[in-house]
N, C-alpha and C. Protein backbone atom coordinates (compact mmCIF):
# COMPACT_ATOMS: atom_id res chain seq x y z
N UNK A 1 0.81 -1.20 0.00
CA UNK A 1 0.00 0.00 0.00
C UNK A 1 0.86 1.26 0.00
N UNK A 2 0.20 2.40 -0.01
CA UNK A 2 0.91 3.67 -0.02
C UNK A 2 1.58 3.92 1.33
N UNK A 3 2.70 4.61 1.31
CA UNK A 3 3.37 4.99 2.53
C UNK A 3 2.67 6.19 3.16
N UNK A 4 2.92 6.41 4.45
CA UNK A 4 2.34 7.55 5.15
C UNK A 4 2.81 8.84 4.50
N UNK A 5 2.00 9.87 4.61
CA UNK A 5 2.28 11.14 3.95
C UNK A 5 3.63 11.72 4.37
N UNK A 6 3.97 11.61 5.64
CA UNK A 6 5.24 12.19 6.09
C UNK A 6 6.44 11.44 5.51
N UNK A 7 6.23 10.23 5.00
CA UNK A 7 7.32 9.46 4.39
C UNK A 7 7.53 9.83 2.93
N UNK A 8 6.48 10.27 2.25
CA UNK A 8 6.58 10.58 0.82
C UNK A 8 6.53 12.07 0.54
N UNK A 9 6.36 12.87 1.57
CA UNK A 9 6.28 14.33 1.41
C UNK A 9 7.62 14.86 0.91
N UNK A 10 7.57 15.74 -0.08
CA UNK A 10 8.76 16.34 -0.68
C UNK A 10 8.82 17.81 -0.26
N UNK A 11 9.83 18.19 0.49
CA UNK A 11 9.92 19.54 1.05
C UNK A 11 9.89 20.62 -0.03
N UNK A 12 10.62 20.41 -1.11
CA UNK A 12 10.71 21.44 -2.14
C UNK A 12 9.43 21.54 -2.96
N UNK A 13 8.70 20.44 -3.09
CA UNK A 13 7.46 20.43 -3.88
C UNK A 13 6.23 20.72 -3.03
N UNK A 14 6.37 20.63 -1.70
CA UNK A 14 5.27 20.89 -0.74
C UNK A 14 4.15 19.87 -0.85
N UNK A 15 4.48 18.67 -1.30
CA UNK A 15 3.51 17.58 -1.40
C UNK A 15 4.28 16.35 -1.86
N UNK A 16 3.65 15.18 -1.91
CA UNK A 16 4.34 14.01 -2.47
C UNK A 16 4.73 14.26 -3.93
N UNK A 17 5.85 13.68 -4.35
CA UNK A 17 6.35 13.94 -5.70
C UNK A 17 5.35 13.53 -6.78
N UNK A 18 4.70 12.38 -6.63
CA UNK A 18 3.77 11.92 -7.66
C UNK A 18 2.58 12.86 -7.77
N UNK A 19 2.16 13.45 -6.67
CA UNK A 19 1.06 14.42 -6.70
C UNK A 19 1.48 15.67 -7.47
N UNK A 20 2.70 16.13 -7.22
CA UNK A 20 3.21 17.31 -7.92
C UNK A 20 3.37 17.05 -9.41
N UNK A 21 3.83 15.85 -9.77
CA UNK A 21 4.01 15.52 -11.19
C UNK A 21 2.66 15.46 -11.91
N UNK A 22 1.66 14.88 -11.26
CA UNK A 22 0.32 14.85 -11.85
C UNK A 22 -0.22 16.26 -12.03
N UNK A 23 -0.06 17.09 -11.01
CA UNK A 23 -0.56 18.46 -11.06
C UNK A 23 0.10 19.24 -12.18
N UNK A 24 1.41 19.08 -12.33
CA UNK A 24 2.13 19.79 -13.38
C UNK A 24 1.63 19.37 -14.77
N UNK A 25 1.40 18.08 -14.94
CA UNK A 25 0.91 17.58 -16.23
C UNK A 25 -0.48 18.11 -16.52
N UNK A 26 -1.34 18.12 -15.51
CA UNK A 26 -2.71 18.61 -15.69
C UNK A 26 -2.71 20.10 -16.03
N UNK A 27 -1.90 20.86 -15.33
CA UNK A 27 -1.84 22.30 -15.61
C UNK A 27 -1.40 22.56 -17.06
N UNK A 28 -0.48 21.75 -17.55
CA UNK A 28 0.07 21.96 -18.89
C UNK A 28 -0.86 21.47 -19.99
N UNK A 29 -1.51 20.32 -19.76
CA UNK A 29 -2.25 19.69 -20.85
C UNK A 29 -3.75 19.49 -20.60
N UNK A 30 -4.21 19.64 -19.33
CA UNK A 30 -5.60 19.25 -19.10
C UNK A 30 -6.46 20.16 -18.25
N UNK A 31 -5.95 21.32 -17.89
CA UNK A 31 -6.71 22.14 -16.94
C UNK A 31 -8.01 22.67 -17.55
N UNK A 32 -8.08 22.71 -18.88
CA UNK A 32 -9.31 23.16 -19.54
C UNK A 32 -10.14 21.99 -20.07
N UNK A 33 -9.69 20.75 -19.83
CA UNK A 33 -10.46 19.57 -20.29
C UNK A 33 -11.81 19.52 -19.59
N UNK A 34 -12.86 19.37 -20.35
CA UNK A 34 -14.20 19.28 -19.74
C UNK A 34 -14.28 18.05 -18.84
N UNK A 35 -14.70 18.27 -17.59
CA UNK A 35 -14.87 17.17 -16.65
C UNK A 35 -13.59 16.68 -16.01
N UNK A 36 -12.52 17.47 -16.06
CA UNK A 36 -11.28 17.05 -15.42
C UNK A 36 -11.53 16.78 -13.93
N UNK A 37 -11.03 15.70 -13.41
CA UNK A 37 -11.24 15.19 -12.05
C UNK A 37 -12.59 14.48 -11.90
N UNK A 38 -13.49 14.65 -12.86
CA UNK A 38 -14.79 13.97 -12.78
C UNK A 38 -14.85 12.78 -13.73
N UNK A 39 -14.40 12.97 -14.96
CA UNK A 39 -14.45 11.90 -15.95
C UNK A 39 -13.33 10.89 -15.71
N UNK A 40 -13.62 9.60 -15.88
CA UNK A 40 -12.57 8.59 -15.71
C UNK A 40 -11.70 8.51 -16.95
N UNK A 41 -10.48 8.01 -16.77
CA UNK A 41 -9.63 7.71 -17.90
C UNK A 41 -9.60 6.21 -18.11
N UNK A 42 -8.58 5.72 -18.78
CA UNK A 42 -8.39 4.29 -19.00
C UNK A 42 -8.06 3.63 -17.67
N UNK A 43 -8.98 2.81 -17.15
CA UNK A 43 -8.80 2.25 -15.81
C UNK A 43 -7.64 1.27 -15.74
N UNK A 44 -7.42 0.50 -16.81
CA UNK A 44 -6.31 -0.47 -16.80
C UNK A 44 -4.97 0.25 -16.68
N UNK A 45 -4.79 1.32 -17.45
CA UNK A 45 -3.54 2.07 -17.39
C UNK A 45 -3.39 2.76 -16.03
N UNK A 46 -4.52 3.26 -15.51
CA UNK A 46 -4.50 3.89 -14.19
C UNK A 46 -4.03 2.90 -13.12
N UNK A 47 -4.57 1.70 -13.13
CA UNK A 47 -4.19 0.70 -12.13
C UNK A 47 -2.73 0.29 -12.26
N UNK A 48 -2.24 0.22 -13.49
CA UNK A 48 -0.83 -0.09 -13.70
C UNK A 48 0.06 1.00 -13.11
N UNK A 49 -0.34 2.25 -13.30
CA UNK A 49 0.45 3.36 -12.75
C UNK A 49 0.38 3.38 -11.23
N UNK A 50 -0.80 3.16 -10.68
CA UNK A 50 -0.94 3.16 -9.23
C UNK A 50 -0.16 2.01 -8.59
N UNK A 51 -0.04 0.90 -9.30
CA UNK A 51 0.75 -0.22 -8.78
C UNK A 51 2.20 0.18 -8.59
N UNK A 52 2.70 1.02 -9.47
CA UNK A 52 4.08 1.48 -9.35
C UNK A 52 4.25 2.44 -8.19
N UNK A 53 3.23 3.24 -7.92
CA UNK A 53 3.27 4.12 -6.75
C UNK A 53 3.31 3.28 -5.48
N UNK A 54 2.49 2.22 -5.44
CA UNK A 54 2.47 1.36 -4.27
C UNK A 54 3.78 0.59 -4.10
N UNK A 55 4.49 0.35 -5.21
CA UNK A 55 5.78 -0.32 -5.17
C UNK A 55 6.89 0.66 -4.79
N UNK A 56 6.52 1.93 -4.57
CA UNK A 56 7.49 2.98 -4.29
C UNK A 56 8.47 3.13 -5.46
N UNK A 57 7.91 3.00 -6.67
CA UNK A 57 8.72 3.06 -7.89
C UNK A 57 8.07 4.01 -8.89
N UNK A 58 7.70 5.21 -8.43
CA UNK A 58 7.04 6.16 -9.31
C UNK A 58 7.95 6.66 -10.42
N UNK A 59 9.27 6.38 -10.30
CA UNK A 59 10.17 6.75 -11.40
C UNK A 59 9.88 5.93 -12.65
N UNK A 60 9.08 4.87 -12.51
CA UNK A 60 8.68 4.07 -13.66
C UNK A 60 7.43 4.61 -14.33
N UNK A 61 7.00 5.80 -13.93
CA UNK A 61 5.86 6.47 -14.57
C UNK A 61 6.39 7.70 -15.30
N UNK A 62 6.10 7.78 -16.59
CA UNK A 62 6.50 8.95 -17.36
C UNK A 62 5.26 9.66 -17.87
N UNK A 63 5.34 10.99 -17.95
CA UNK A 63 4.25 11.81 -18.45
C UNK A 63 4.72 12.47 -19.75
N UNK A 64 4.02 12.16 -20.84
CA UNK A 64 4.40 12.72 -22.13
C UNK A 64 3.16 13.13 -22.91
N UNK A 65 3.23 14.29 -23.56
CA UNK A 65 2.18 14.67 -24.49
C UNK A 65 2.30 13.79 -25.73
N UNK A 66 1.19 13.43 -26.38
CA UNK A 66 1.26 12.54 -27.54
C UNK A 66 2.24 13.01 -28.60
N UNK A 67 2.26 14.30 -28.88
CA UNK A 67 3.14 14.80 -29.93
C UNK A 67 4.60 14.82 -29.52
N UNK A 68 4.86 14.64 -28.21
CA UNK A 68 6.24 14.65 -27.72
C UNK A 68 6.83 13.25 -27.61
N UNK A 69 6.05 12.21 -27.87
CA UNK A 69 6.53 10.85 -27.69
C UNK A 69 7.26 10.41 -28.95
N UNK A 70 8.55 10.21 -28.84
CA UNK A 70 9.38 9.90 -29.99
C UNK A 70 10.11 8.57 -29.78
N UNK A 71 10.82 8.15 -30.80
CA UNK A 71 11.62 6.93 -30.70
C UNK A 71 12.67 7.07 -29.61
N UNK A 72 13.21 8.27 -29.46
CA UNK A 72 14.21 8.50 -28.42
C UNK A 72 13.61 8.30 -27.03
N UNK A 73 12.37 8.75 -26.84
CA UNK A 73 11.70 8.55 -25.56
C UNK A 73 11.50 7.07 -25.28
N UNK A 74 11.12 6.31 -26.30
CA UNK A 74 10.90 4.88 -26.13
C UNK A 74 12.21 4.19 -25.74
N UNK A 75 13.30 4.58 -26.41
CA UNK A 75 14.60 4.00 -26.09
C UNK A 75 15.02 4.33 -24.67
N UNK A 76 14.76 5.57 -24.25
CA UNK A 76 15.10 5.99 -22.89
C UNK A 76 14.30 5.20 -21.87
N UNK A 77 13.01 5.02 -22.14
CA UNK A 77 12.16 4.28 -21.21
C UNK A 77 12.63 2.84 -21.06
N UNK A 78 12.98 2.22 -22.19
CA UNK A 78 13.43 0.83 -22.14
C UNK A 78 14.76 0.72 -21.38
N UNK A 79 15.64 1.70 -21.58
CA UNK A 79 16.92 1.69 -20.87
C UNK A 79 16.70 1.84 -19.37
N UNK A 80 15.78 2.74 -19.00
CA UNK A 80 15.49 2.93 -17.58
C UNK A 80 14.88 1.67 -16.97
N UNK A 81 14.07 0.97 -17.76
CA UNK A 81 13.48 -0.27 -17.28
C UNK A 81 14.56 -1.32 -17.01
N UNK A 82 15.53 -1.45 -17.94
CA UNK A 82 16.61 -2.42 -17.78
C UNK A 82 17.43 -2.09 -16.53
N UNK A 83 17.72 -0.80 -16.33
CA UNK A 83 18.50 -0.41 -15.17
C UNK A 83 17.73 -0.68 -13.88
N UNK A 84 16.42 -0.49 -13.90
CA UNK A 84 15.61 -0.76 -12.72
C UNK A 84 15.56 -2.26 -12.43
N UNK A 85 15.41 -3.05 -13.49
CA UNK A 85 15.34 -4.50 -13.32
C UNK A 85 16.60 -5.06 -12.67
N UNK A 86 17.74 -4.41 -12.92
CA UNK A 86 18.99 -4.92 -12.36
C UNK A 86 19.07 -4.73 -10.85
N UNK A 87 18.12 -3.96 -10.27
CA UNK A 87 18.17 -3.69 -8.84
C UNK A 87 17.05 -4.38 -8.06
N UNK A 88 16.25 -5.20 -8.74
CA UNK A 88 15.15 -5.85 -8.03
C UNK A 88 15.40 -7.35 -7.95
N UNK A 89 14.64 -8.01 -7.12
CA UNK A 89 14.80 -9.46 -6.95
C UNK A 89 14.32 -10.18 -8.20
N UNK A 90 14.76 -11.41 -8.34
CA UNK A 90 14.30 -12.23 -9.47
C UNK A 90 12.81 -12.46 -9.37
N UNK A 91 12.11 -12.67 -10.50
CA UNK A 91 10.66 -12.90 -10.47
C UNK A 91 10.29 -14.03 -9.53
N UNK A 92 9.15 -13.83 -8.88
CA UNK A 92 8.68 -14.83 -7.93
C UNK A 92 8.26 -16.11 -8.64
N UNK A 93 8.45 -17.23 -7.98
CA UNK A 93 8.03 -18.52 -8.55
C UNK A 93 6.83 -19.07 -7.80
N UNK A 94 6.13 -18.19 -7.11
CA UNK A 94 4.99 -18.62 -6.30
C UNK A 94 3.84 -19.08 -7.19
N UNK A 95 2.88 -19.75 -6.58
CA UNK A 95 1.74 -20.24 -7.34
C UNK A 95 0.93 -19.11 -7.92
N UNK A 96 0.96 -17.91 -7.26
CA UNK A 96 0.22 -16.76 -7.78
C UNK A 96 0.78 -16.36 -9.12
N UNK A 97 2.12 -16.40 -9.26
CA UNK A 97 2.74 -16.00 -10.52
C UNK A 97 2.35 -16.96 -11.63
N UNK A 98 2.22 -18.24 -11.32
CA UNK A 98 1.91 -19.23 -12.34
C UNK A 98 0.50 -19.09 -12.86
N UNK A 99 -0.35 -18.41 -12.09
CA UNK A 99 -1.73 -18.24 -12.50
C UNK A 99 -1.88 -17.10 -13.49
N UNK A 100 -0.89 -16.24 -13.60
CA UNK A 100 -1.00 -15.07 -14.46
C UNK A 100 -0.75 -15.47 -15.90
N UNK A 101 -1.43 -14.80 -16.81
CA UNK A 101 -1.29 -15.10 -18.22
C UNK A 101 -0.06 -14.44 -18.81
N UNK A 102 0.13 -14.70 -20.10
CA UNK A 102 1.27 -14.12 -20.79
C UNK A 102 1.19 -12.60 -20.75
N UNK A 103 2.32 -11.95 -20.44
CA UNK A 103 2.35 -10.49 -20.38
C UNK A 103 2.01 -9.96 -19.01
N UNK A 104 1.70 -10.85 -18.07
CA UNK A 104 1.38 -10.42 -16.72
C UNK A 104 2.48 -10.86 -15.78
N UNK A 105 2.25 -10.69 -14.46
CA UNK A 105 3.23 -11.12 -13.49
C UNK A 105 4.25 -10.04 -13.20
N UNK A 106 5.45 -10.45 -12.78
CA UNK A 106 6.47 -9.50 -12.36
C UNK A 106 6.82 -8.50 -13.45
N UNK A 107 6.94 -8.97 -14.70
CA UNK A 107 7.36 -8.07 -15.77
C UNK A 107 6.37 -6.94 -15.96
N UNK A 108 5.07 -7.28 -16.01
CA UNK A 108 4.07 -6.26 -16.26
C UNK A 108 3.96 -5.28 -15.11
N UNK A 109 4.39 -5.69 -13.91
CA UNK A 109 4.25 -4.80 -12.76
C UNK A 109 5.43 -3.85 -12.61
N UNK A 110 6.52 -4.07 -13.35
CA UNK A 110 7.66 -3.18 -13.19
C UNK A 110 8.05 -2.44 -14.47
N UNK A 111 7.39 -2.71 -15.60
CA UNK A 111 7.74 -2.01 -16.82
C UNK A 111 7.29 -0.55 -16.76
N UNK A 112 7.85 0.25 -17.64
CA UNK A 112 7.53 1.68 -17.69
C UNK A 112 6.07 1.89 -18.09
N UNK A 113 5.39 2.81 -17.43
CA UNK A 113 4.05 3.23 -17.81
C UNK A 113 4.13 4.67 -18.30
N UNK A 114 3.66 4.90 -19.52
CA UNK A 114 3.67 6.25 -20.08
C UNK A 114 2.25 6.79 -20.10
N UNK A 115 2.07 7.95 -19.49
CA UNK A 115 0.75 8.58 -19.41
C UNK A 115 0.72 9.82 -20.31
N UNK A 116 -0.25 9.82 -21.22
CA UNK A 116 -0.40 10.97 -22.11
C UNK A 116 -1.78 11.61 -21.97
N UNK A 117 -2.61 11.06 -21.11
CA UNK A 117 -4.00 11.51 -20.97
C UNK A 117 -4.19 12.26 -19.64
N UNK A 118 -4.61 13.53 -19.70
CA UNK A 118 -4.84 14.30 -18.46
C UNK A 118 -5.88 13.68 -17.54
N UNK A 119 -6.86 12.95 -18.11
CA UNK A 119 -7.88 12.33 -17.26
C UNK A 119 -7.27 11.27 -16.36
N UNK A 120 -6.30 10.52 -16.89
CA UNK A 120 -5.62 9.52 -16.06
C UNK A 120 -4.77 10.19 -15.01
N UNK A 121 -4.07 11.26 -15.40
CA UNK A 121 -3.26 12.01 -14.43
C UNK A 121 -4.14 12.56 -13.31
N UNK A 122 -5.35 13.02 -13.66
CA UNK A 122 -6.27 13.56 -12.66
C UNK A 122 -6.74 12.47 -11.70
N UNK A 123 -7.02 11.28 -12.23
CA UNK A 123 -7.43 10.18 -11.37
C UNK A 123 -6.28 9.71 -10.48
N UNK A 124 -5.06 9.75 -11.00
CA UNK A 124 -3.89 9.41 -10.19
C UNK A 124 -3.69 10.42 -9.07
N UNK A 125 -3.89 11.70 -9.39
CA UNK A 125 -3.80 12.77 -8.40
C UNK A 125 -4.73 12.47 -7.24
N UNK A 126 -5.98 12.13 -7.55
CA UNK A 126 -6.96 11.83 -6.51
C UNK A 126 -6.60 10.58 -5.72
N UNK A 127 -6.26 9.51 -6.45
CA UNK A 127 -5.99 8.24 -5.78
C UNK A 127 -4.76 8.31 -4.88
N UNK A 128 -3.75 9.08 -5.30
CA UNK A 128 -2.53 9.20 -4.50
C UNK A 128 -2.79 9.93 -3.19
N UNK A 129 -3.88 10.68 -3.13
CA UNK A 129 -4.28 11.36 -1.90
C UNK A 129 -5.31 10.52 -1.13
N UNK A 130 -6.26 9.96 -1.86
CA UNK A 130 -7.36 9.20 -1.22
C UNK A 130 -6.87 7.95 -0.52
N UNK A 131 -5.85 7.29 -1.07
CA UNK A 131 -5.42 5.99 -0.56
C UNK A 131 -4.30 6.06 0.47
N UNK A 132 -3.99 7.26 0.94
CA UNK A 132 -2.98 7.38 2.00
C UNK A 132 -3.45 6.66 3.26
N UNK A 133 -2.53 6.09 4.04
CA UNK A 133 -2.93 5.41 5.29
C UNK A 133 -3.70 6.33 6.23
N UNK A 134 -3.32 7.59 6.30
CA UNK A 134 -4.08 8.61 7.03
C UNK A 134 -4.37 9.74 6.07
N UNK A 135 -5.62 10.22 6.03
CA UNK A 135 -5.98 11.25 5.05
C UNK A 135 -5.14 12.52 5.20
N UNK A 136 -5.19 13.35 4.15
CA UNK A 136 -4.49 14.64 4.18
C UNK A 136 -4.96 15.45 5.38
N UNK A 137 -6.26 15.57 5.55
CA UNK A 137 -6.82 16.15 6.78
C UNK A 137 -6.89 15.00 7.79
N UNK A 138 -6.04 15.06 8.78
CA UNK A 138 -5.83 13.92 9.68
C UNK A 138 -7.12 13.51 10.40
N UNK A 139 -7.12 12.28 10.91
CA UNK A 139 -8.27 11.80 11.67
C UNK A 139 -8.55 12.71 12.87
N UNK A 140 -7.49 13.16 13.53
CA UNK A 140 -7.67 14.04 14.68
C UNK A 140 -8.32 15.35 14.26
N UNK A 141 -7.81 15.94 13.19
CA UNK A 141 -8.37 17.21 12.72
C UNK A 141 -9.82 17.03 12.27
N UNK A 142 -10.09 15.93 11.58
CA UNK A 142 -11.46 15.66 11.13
C UNK A 142 -12.41 15.58 12.32
N UNK A 143 -11.99 14.86 13.36
CA UNK A 143 -12.84 14.74 14.56
C UNK A 143 -13.13 16.08 15.18
N UNK A 144 -12.12 16.95 15.26
CA UNK A 144 -12.31 18.27 15.84
C UNK A 144 -13.20 19.14 14.96
N UNK A 145 -13.05 19.03 13.64
CA UNK A 145 -13.89 19.81 12.72
C UNK A 145 -15.35 19.41 12.85
N UNK A 146 -15.60 18.12 13.03
CA UNK A 146 -16.98 17.63 13.13
C UNK A 146 -17.64 18.07 14.44
N UNK A 147 -16.84 18.46 15.42
CA UNK A 147 -17.38 18.91 16.70
C UNK A 147 -17.72 20.39 16.71
N UNK A 148 -17.30 21.11 15.68
CA UNK A 148 -17.58 22.55 15.65
C UNK A 148 -19.07 22.78 15.45
N UNK A 149 -19.64 23.73 16.18
CA UNK A 149 -21.06 24.03 16.02
C UNK A 149 -21.33 24.80 14.73
N UNK A 150 -22.54 24.70 14.26
CA UNK A 150 -22.92 25.49 13.09
C UNK A 150 -22.88 26.97 13.45
N UNK A 151 -22.57 27.79 12.46
CA UNK A 151 -22.43 29.22 12.72
C UNK A 151 -23.46 30.02 11.94
N UNK A 152 -23.94 31.08 12.54
CA UNK A 152 -24.82 32.01 11.82
C UNK A 152 -23.95 32.89 10.93
N UNK A 153 -24.58 33.67 10.09
CA UNK A 153 -23.84 34.53 9.17
C UNK A 153 -22.91 35.47 9.91
N UNK A 154 -23.35 35.95 11.08
CA UNK A 154 -22.52 36.90 11.84
C UNK A 154 -21.38 36.21 12.57
N UNK A 155 -21.45 34.89 12.69
CA UNK A 155 -20.41 34.14 13.41
C UNK A 155 -19.45 33.41 12.48
N UNK A 156 -19.60 33.61 11.19
CA UNK A 156 -18.80 32.86 10.23
C UNK A 156 -17.31 33.09 10.42
N UNK A 157 -16.93 34.32 10.76
CA UNK A 157 -15.50 34.62 10.94
C UNK A 157 -14.92 33.85 12.13
N UNK A 158 -15.75 33.64 13.17
CA UNK A 158 -15.31 32.89 14.33
C UNK A 158 -15.10 31.42 13.95
N UNK A 159 -16.04 30.89 13.17
CA UNK A 159 -15.93 29.50 12.71
C UNK A 159 -14.70 29.32 11.83
N UNK A 160 -14.47 30.28 10.95
CA UNK A 160 -13.32 30.21 10.05
C UNK A 160 -12.01 30.22 10.84
N UNK A 161 -11.94 31.01 11.88
CA UNK A 161 -10.75 31.06 12.72
C UNK A 161 -10.53 29.71 13.42
N UNK A 162 -11.61 29.10 13.88
CA UNK A 162 -11.50 27.80 14.55
C UNK A 162 -11.03 26.73 13.58
N UNK A 163 -11.56 26.74 12.36
CA UNK A 163 -11.14 25.78 11.34
C UNK A 163 -9.66 25.95 11.02
N UNK A 164 -9.25 27.21 10.86
CA UNK A 164 -7.86 27.51 10.54
C UNK A 164 -6.92 27.02 11.63
N UNK A 165 -7.31 27.21 12.89
CA UNK A 165 -6.48 26.76 14.01
C UNK A 165 -6.33 25.24 14.00
N UNK A 166 -7.43 24.54 13.74
CA UNK A 166 -7.38 23.07 13.72
C UNK A 166 -6.47 22.57 12.61
N UNK A 167 -6.61 23.14 11.42
CA UNK A 167 -5.81 22.70 10.28
C UNK A 167 -4.33 23.06 10.45
N UNK A 168 -4.07 24.23 11.01
CA UNK A 168 -2.68 24.65 11.22
C UNK A 168 -1.97 23.79 12.26
N UNK A 169 -2.74 23.09 13.06
CA UNK A 169 -2.16 22.24 14.10
C UNK A 169 -1.79 20.85 13.56
N UNK A 170 -2.14 20.58 12.31
CA UNK A 170 -1.78 19.30 11.72
C UNK A 170 -0.27 19.23 11.46
N UNK A 171 0.30 18.04 11.32
CA UNK A 171 1.72 17.93 10.95
C UNK A 171 2.00 18.69 9.66
N UNK A 172 3.22 19.19 9.54
CA UNK A 172 3.60 20.04 8.41
C UNK A 172 3.30 19.38 7.06
N UNK A 173 3.64 18.11 6.91
CA UNK A 173 3.42 17.44 5.63
C UNK A 173 1.95 17.47 5.23
N UNK A 174 1.07 17.29 6.18
CA UNK A 174 -0.37 17.30 5.91
C UNK A 174 -0.85 18.71 5.56
N UNK A 175 -0.42 19.70 6.32
CA UNK A 175 -0.88 21.06 6.08
C UNK A 175 -0.37 21.59 4.74
N UNK A 176 0.91 21.35 4.43
CA UNK A 176 1.47 21.86 3.18
C UNK A 176 0.86 21.14 1.97
N UNK A 177 0.60 19.84 2.11
CA UNK A 177 -0.05 19.12 1.02
C UNK A 177 -1.46 19.64 0.80
N UNK A 178 -2.17 19.92 1.88
CA UNK A 178 -3.52 20.48 1.76
C UNK A 178 -3.48 21.81 1.02
N UNK A 179 -2.54 22.67 1.37
CA UNK A 179 -2.40 23.96 0.67
C UNK A 179 -2.15 23.74 -0.82
N UNK A 180 -1.28 22.79 -1.14
CA UNK A 180 -0.95 22.51 -2.54
C UNK A 180 -2.21 22.07 -3.30
N UNK A 181 -2.97 21.16 -2.69
CA UNK A 181 -4.17 20.64 -3.35
C UNK A 181 -5.20 21.75 -3.54
N UNK A 182 -5.41 22.56 -2.52
CA UNK A 182 -6.41 23.63 -2.63
C UNK A 182 -6.02 24.66 -3.69
N UNK A 183 -4.74 24.93 -3.82
CA UNK A 183 -4.29 25.84 -4.88
C UNK A 183 -4.56 25.22 -6.26
N UNK A 184 -4.32 23.93 -6.37
CA UNK A 184 -4.60 23.24 -7.63
C UNK A 184 -6.08 23.33 -7.98
N UNK A 185 -6.93 23.09 -7.00
CA UNK A 185 -8.38 23.14 -7.24
C UNK A 185 -8.83 24.56 -7.56
N UNK A 186 -8.21 25.54 -6.94
CA UNK A 186 -8.52 26.94 -7.26
C UNK A 186 -8.19 27.24 -8.72
N UNK A 187 -7.04 26.74 -9.16
CA UNK A 187 -6.63 26.97 -10.54
C UNK A 187 -7.60 26.31 -11.52
N UNK A 188 -8.07 25.11 -11.17
CA UNK A 188 -9.03 24.40 -12.03
C UNK A 188 -10.35 25.15 -12.06
N UNK A 189 -10.82 25.60 -10.90
CA UNK A 189 -12.10 26.31 -10.82
C UNK A 189 -12.09 27.62 -11.60
N UNK A 190 -10.93 28.23 -11.71
CA UNK A 190 -10.82 29.49 -12.46
C UNK A 190 -11.03 29.26 -13.96
N UNK A 191 -10.94 28.00 -14.40
CA UNK A 191 -11.18 27.66 -15.81
C UNK A 191 -12.56 27.02 -15.99
N UNK A 192 -13.47 27.32 -15.08
CA UNK A 192 -14.79 26.68 -15.07
C UNK A 192 -15.53 26.80 -16.40
N UNK A 193 -15.44 27.94 -17.06
CA UNK A 193 -16.17 28.11 -18.32
C UNK A 193 -15.74 27.09 -19.37
N UNK A 194 -14.48 26.67 -19.29
CA UNK A 194 -13.98 25.71 -20.27
C UNK A 194 -14.10 24.27 -19.77
N UNK A 195 -13.75 24.02 -18.50
CA UNK A 195 -13.74 22.64 -18.02
C UNK A 195 -15.04 22.20 -17.35
N UNK A 196 -15.96 23.12 -17.16
CA UNK A 196 -17.28 22.79 -16.56
C UNK A 196 -17.13 22.17 -15.17
N UNK A 197 -16.12 22.63 -14.43
CA UNK A 197 -15.88 22.12 -13.08
C UNK A 197 -15.90 23.27 -12.07
N UNK A 198 -17.10 23.67 -11.62
CA UNK A 198 -17.21 24.74 -10.63
C UNK A 198 -16.71 24.29 -9.26
N UNK A 199 -16.58 25.25 -8.37
CA UNK A 199 -16.07 24.97 -7.02
C UNK A 199 -16.89 23.89 -6.33
N UNK A 200 -18.21 23.95 -6.44
CA UNK A 200 -19.06 22.97 -5.74
C UNK A 200 -18.80 21.55 -6.23
N UNK A 201 -18.62 21.40 -7.53
CA UNK A 201 -18.34 20.06 -8.07
C UNK A 201 -17.00 19.54 -7.57
N UNK A 202 -16.00 20.40 -7.55
CA UNK A 202 -14.68 20.00 -7.05
C UNK A 202 -14.74 19.66 -5.57
N UNK A 203 -15.53 20.44 -4.81
CA UNK A 203 -15.67 20.17 -3.38
C UNK A 203 -16.33 18.81 -3.15
N UNK A 204 -17.36 18.49 -3.93
CA UNK A 204 -18.04 17.21 -3.79
C UNK A 204 -17.12 16.04 -4.09
N UNK A 205 -16.21 16.23 -5.04
CA UNK A 205 -15.28 15.17 -5.42
C UNK A 205 -14.17 15.00 -4.39
N UNK A 206 -13.62 16.13 -3.91
CA UNK A 206 -12.41 16.06 -3.10
C UNK A 206 -12.66 15.99 -1.59
N UNK A 207 -13.84 16.33 -1.12
CA UNK A 207 -14.09 16.23 0.32
C UNK A 207 -13.83 14.81 0.84
N UNK A 208 -14.41 13.77 0.22
CA UNK A 208 -14.13 12.41 0.71
C UNK A 208 -12.72 11.92 0.38
N UNK A 209 -12.04 12.61 -0.53
CA UNK A 209 -10.66 12.26 -0.85
C UNK A 209 -9.70 12.77 0.21
N UNK A 210 -10.00 13.95 0.75
CA UNK A 210 -9.08 14.62 1.68
C UNK A 210 -9.37 14.32 3.14
N UNK A 211 -10.60 13.93 3.47
CA UNK A 211 -10.90 13.70 4.88
C UNK A 211 -11.98 12.63 5.04
N UNK A 212 -11.87 11.89 6.13
CA UNK A 212 -12.86 10.88 6.46
C UNK A 212 -12.64 10.45 7.90
N UNK A 213 -13.64 9.81 8.48
CA UNK A 213 -13.54 9.29 9.84
C UNK A 213 -12.81 7.96 9.81
N UNK A 214 -12.19 7.61 10.93
CA UNK A 214 -11.65 6.25 11.04
C UNK A 214 -12.78 5.25 10.88
N UNK A 215 -12.45 4.08 10.35
CA UNK A 215 -13.50 3.08 10.10
C UNK A 215 -14.26 2.73 11.36
N UNK A 216 -13.55 2.60 12.48
CA UNK A 216 -14.24 2.22 13.72
C UNK A 216 -15.14 3.35 14.23
N UNK A 217 -14.80 4.60 13.84
CA UNK A 217 -15.62 5.74 14.29
C UNK A 217 -16.90 5.89 13.47
N UNK A 218 -16.90 5.33 12.24
CA UNK A 218 -18.06 5.50 11.37
C UNK A 218 -19.29 4.79 11.91
N UNK A 219 -19.08 3.79 12.77
CA UNK A 219 -20.21 3.01 13.29
C UNK A 219 -20.48 3.30 14.77
N UNK A 220 -19.76 4.28 15.31
CA UNK A 220 -19.95 4.58 16.74
C UNK A 220 -21.02 5.62 16.95
């Protein structure tokens, strides 16, 4: 599974590296795509890419625009694959491996994955945040947020201050990643006329991605 956020957080990028790479690709090629973050991409390719993230081998994921993919890129990818293979264990001989068909198994799980579709990058962006062992908005922060009373219009500033205090008290990796994600969503929302993704739609998509109760708390 994915490592904890504090293990994959990149100080210079202010978020996990794979999240920053997805965001950069989306900004360049997909921020005006209609339904970005809402429409699915190729699920098979998405799962292959996510498998590499779980293997802690995101260097085996490349992002290329279709017109930029050349023979030189293919040669580079194959060379990087060979160099990576030289550092991993030999393929497993377990019964699980024998059940896989041709083209599957160890080889298919470590070969280079090239992503040229912004929709897949957007789904990777979400999944890399959603599947963290602890959400971006920590369980502790979520619990405190849920305890805040509803505010009238005149009390909204008080509520906002309380929310800010709770979020600022989260570990640095969580707070900085949250800032990064919110800036990304702000940039997407600013292109609403083209991508048809208003703030409310983005909020509906990302609220369960960024925060949730512990499983044992959901039934208490």
